[in-house]
Protein backbone atom coordinates (compact mmCIF):
# COMPACT_ATOMS: atom_id res chain seq x y z
CA MET A 1 66.51 95.24 116.49
CA ASN A 2 63.81 93.31 117.98
CA LYS A 3 64.29 89.92 119.85
CA GLN A 4 62.78 88.05 116.92
CA GLN A 5 65.09 89.12 114.69
CA PHE A 6 68.11 89.19 116.84
CA PHE A 7 67.82 85.64 117.20
CA ASN A 8 67.28 84.77 113.85
CA PHE A 9 70.20 86.90 112.82
CA LEU A 10 72.08 84.56 115.68
CA ARG A 11 71.16 81.49 115.09
CA HIS A 12 72.38 82.27 111.11
CA GLU A 13 75.81 83.39 112.06
CA ILE A 14 76.21 80.49 114.19
CA ARG A 15 74.57 77.10 112.35
CA SER A 16 78.50 75.88 111.42
CA LEU A 17 78.63 75.44 115.14
CA PRO A 18 77.51 72.09 116.92
CA LYS A 19 73.87 71.98 118.34
CA GLY A 20 74.58 71.97 121.34
CA GLU A 21 76.66 74.93 121.55
CA GLN A 22 74.64 76.44 118.91
CA GLU A 23 71.24 75.87 121.84
CA LYS A 24 73.67 76.84 124.90
CA ALA A 25 74.51 80.86 123.30
CA ILE A 26 70.77 81.15 122.14
CA PHE A 27 69.67 80.18 125.86
CA TYR A 28 72.38 82.24 127.78
CA TYR A 29 70.70 85.67 125.41
CA ARG A 30 67.49 84.93 125.60
CA GLU A 31 67.93 84.98 129.36
CA ILE A 32 70.37 88.13 129.53
CA ILE A 33 67.25 89.51 127.41
CA ASP A 34 64.10 88.63 129.58
CA ASP A 35 65.97 89.87 132.91
CA SER A 36 66.58 93.05 131.08
CA MET A 37 63.24 93.47 130.31
CA GLU A 38 61.94 92.13 133.82
CA GLU A 39 63.90 95.27 134.46
CA GLY A 40 62.00 97.39 133.07
CA LEU A 41 63.80 97.68 129.33
CA THR A 42 61.60 96.81 126.40
CA GLU A 43 62.45 94.50 123.95
CA GLU A 44 64.53 97.05 121.69
CA ASP A 45 66.53 98.62 124.49
CA ALA A 46 67.44 94.59 126.26
CA VAL A 47 68.31 93.63 122.64
CA ALA A 48 70.51 96.93 121.85
CA ARG A 49 71.83 96.58 125.62
CA LEU A 50 73.80 93.51 124.21
CA GLY A 51 75.28 95.41 121.66
CA ASN A 52 77.22 95.31 118.22
CA PRO A 53 75.25 91.56 117.20
CA ALA A 54 78.70 90.75 115.31
CA ASP A 55 80.56 91.13 117.98
CA LEU A 56 78.76 88.82 119.87
CA VAL A 57 78.77 86.29 117.34
CA ARG A 58 82.67 86.48 117.00
CA GLU A 59 82.91 85.66 121.06
CA ILE A 60 80.67 82.65 120.42
CA PHE A 61 82.87 81.31 118.07
CA ILE A 62 85.98 82.12 120.41
CA SER A 63 84.42 80.89 123.32
CA SER A 64 83.71 77.77 121.53
CA ASP A 65 87.33 77.39 120.00
CA GLU A 66 88.55 78.06 123.61
CA ARG A 67 86.37 74.98 124.77
CA ARG A 68 86.85 72.56 121.84
CA LYS A 69 90.67 72.90 122.62
CA ALA A 70 90.44 72.66 126.38
CA SER A 71 87.99 69.98 126.51
CA ILE A 72 90.97 67.54 125.30
CA PRO A 73 92.65 65.62 127.48
CA THR A 74 96.19 66.13 128.85
CA GLY A 75 97.09 62.21 127.67
CA ARG A 76 95.58 62.64 124.74
CA LYS A 77 97.34 65.91 123.66
CA VAL A 78 100.71 64.54 124.19
CA LEU A 79 99.50 60.96 122.26
CA ILE A 80 98.33 63.18 119.60
CA SER A 81 101.87 65.89 120.05
CA ILE A 82 103.81 62.26 119.45
CA LEU A 83 101.90 60.90 116.57
CA LEU A 84 102.13 64.40 114.81
CA ALA A 85 105.79 63.85 115.49
CA LEU A 86 106.39 60.50 114.46
CA GLY A 87 104.38 60.82 111.09
CA PHE A 88 106.29 63.65 110.08
CA PRO A 89 107.69 62.30 107.49
CA ILE A 90 104.96 61.42 106.01
CA TRP A 91 102.06 63.94 106.25
CA GLY A 92 105.36 66.56 105.94
CA SER A 93 106.10 64.97 102.45
CA LEU A 94 102.31 64.94 101.53
CA LEU A 95 101.78 68.58 102.32
CA LEU A 96 104.86 69.85 100.67
CA VAL A 97 104.19 67.93 97.15
CA LEU A 98 100.59 69.46 98.17
CA LEU A 99 101.81 72.92 98.56
CA SER A 100 104.45 72.40 95.55
CA LEU A 101 101.54 71.12 93.21
CA VAL A 102 99.50 74.13 94.15
CA LEU A 103 102.73 76.62 93.68
CA VAL A 104 103.63 75.09 89.94
CA ALA A 105 99.47 75.65 89.21
CA PHE A 106 99.64 78.84 90.12
CA ILE A 107 102.76 79.52 87.86
CA LEU A 108 101.23 77.82 85.01
CA ALA A 109 98.23 80.39 85.43
CA TRP A 110 100.50 83.16 84.34
CA VAL A 111 102.71 81.59 81.63
CA PRO A 112 100.06 82.68 78.79
CA LEU A 113 100.22 86.19 80.18
CA ILE A 114 104.42 86.19 79.90
CA VAL A 115 103.67 84.59 76.42
CA LEU A 116 101.22 86.73 75.00
CA GLY A 117 103.02 90.20 76.49
CA SER A 118 105.87 88.82 75.05
CA MET A 119 104.30 88.21 71.46
CA ALA A 120 103.51 91.78 71.84
CA LEU A 121 106.50 93.39 72.70
CA ALA A 122 108.47 91.18 70.02
CA PHE A 123 105.68 92.19 67.10
CA PHE A 124 105.39 95.70 68.50
CA LEU A 125 109.32 96.43 67.82
CA SER A 126 109.58 94.22 64.62
CA GLY A 127 106.98 95.81 62.78
CA ILE A 128 108.38 99.29 64.00
CA TRP A 129 111.73 98.40 62.79
CA ALA A 130 109.98 97.17 59.69
CA ILE A 131 108.34 100.59 59.21
CA ILE A 132 111.19 102.70 59.78
CA GLY A 133 113.54 100.52 57.40
CA SER A 134 111.05 100.33 54.29
CA PRO A 135 112.37 103.98 53.06
CA PHE A 136 115.90 102.87 52.61
CA MET A 137 114.44 99.43 51.33
CA ILE A 138 112.18 101.79 48.54
CA ALA A 139 115.13 103.65 47.86
CA ALA A 140 117.12 100.05 46.67
CA SER A 141 114.25 98.12 45.60
CA ALA A 142 110.52 99.62 45.09
CA PRO A 143 108.45 96.41 45.22
CA ALA A 144 110.73 94.98 47.78
CA GLY A 145 110.21 98.07 50.40
CA ILE A 146 106.45 98.22 49.91
CA ALA A 147 106.31 94.84 50.81
CA GLN A 148 108.61 95.55 53.61
CA LEU A 149 105.98 98.23 54.93
CA GLY A 150 103.36 96.09 54.28
CA ALA A 151 104.87 93.62 56.44
CA GLY A 152 105.95 95.92 58.96
CA ILE A 153 102.14 97.24 59.40
CA ALA A 154 101.07 93.62 59.31
CA VAL A 155 103.17 92.99 61.90
CA LEU A 156 102.12 96.02 64.18
CA GLY A 157 98.60 94.62 63.86
CA LEU A 158 99.06 91.15 65.08
CA SER A 159 101.05 93.21 68.19
CA ILE A 160 97.39 94.63 68.92
CA LEU A 161 95.85 91.32 68.37
CA SER A 162 98.17 90.11 71.12
CA VAL A 163 97.08 92.91 73.10
CA ILE A 164 93.76 92.38 73.22
CA ALA A 165 94.29 88.37 73.76
CA LEU A 166 96.39 89.22 76.90
CA CYS A 167 93.70 91.41 78.09
CA TYR A 168 90.76 88.56 77.56
CA THR A 169 93.67 86.27 79.28
CA PHE A 170 94.31 88.34 82.28
CA LYS A 171 90.88 88.06 83.12
CA GLY A 172 90.85 84.42 82.87
CA VAL A 173 93.56 83.49 84.69
CA LYS A 174 92.70 85.74 87.46
CA GLN A 175 89.32 84.61 87.91
CA ALA A 176 91.65 81.18 87.72
CA CYS A 177 93.62 82.21 90.63
CA SER A 178 90.86 83.05 92.82
CA ALA A 179 89.38 79.85 92.47
CA LEU A 180 92.62 78.16 92.85
CA TYR A 181 92.90 80.38 96.16
CA ARG A 182 89.16 79.39 97.36
CA PHE A 183 90.03 75.32 96.24
CA VAL A 184 93.18 75.84 98.92
CA LYS A 185 91.07 77.48 101.47
CA LYS A 186 88.47 75.16 101.26
CA ILE A 187 90.93 72.10 101.50
CA LEU A 188 92.90 73.58 104.45
CA GLY A 189 89.57 74.47 106.09
CA TRP A 190 90.51 78.57 106.98
CA ARG A 191 87.44 79.86 108.58
CA MET A 192 86.89 83.30 108.33
CA VAL A 193 84.97 84.91 111.54
CA VAL A 194 82.76 87.29 111.25
CA THR A 195 84.08 91.00 112.19
């Protein structure tokens, strides 16, 4: 990787940081690469000497978080802690409501699967029971036995349709749960560090 490719990668990966921190990181690594090249290394060797670029990005994010945490004055930290403790009855209740709503949405997403699975099982067992009992009905009354056999086959068909609907619904529920997870992740502001 040459110097230009390295800095393009670095700029792309740290674009979520404030501009000042981006420029500080780029300046820092530019100085290291320039110093290495003055020592006689090629551009590619100077970049390779830095190590894995993904590890460097992770270090930049970690040091940025540490600087941000350290930059909050102690008095402000105490004030924030007091306000959080005093406001807990309000924000704690709202957070509990939000988490409950997410849990309810997640549970409701799985209800169609439970219903379709129960229907498929009930239709299957009813159809088998009707087919097994139809010879006994035919012995007693041929038209009633044939009707029961036909009904048993029809109910088995409904069982197959329920299983097909269950498969398609499962795909939809999986997508819905994935979208719900992304929504919660976005709301809570979880940030994934590059690994």
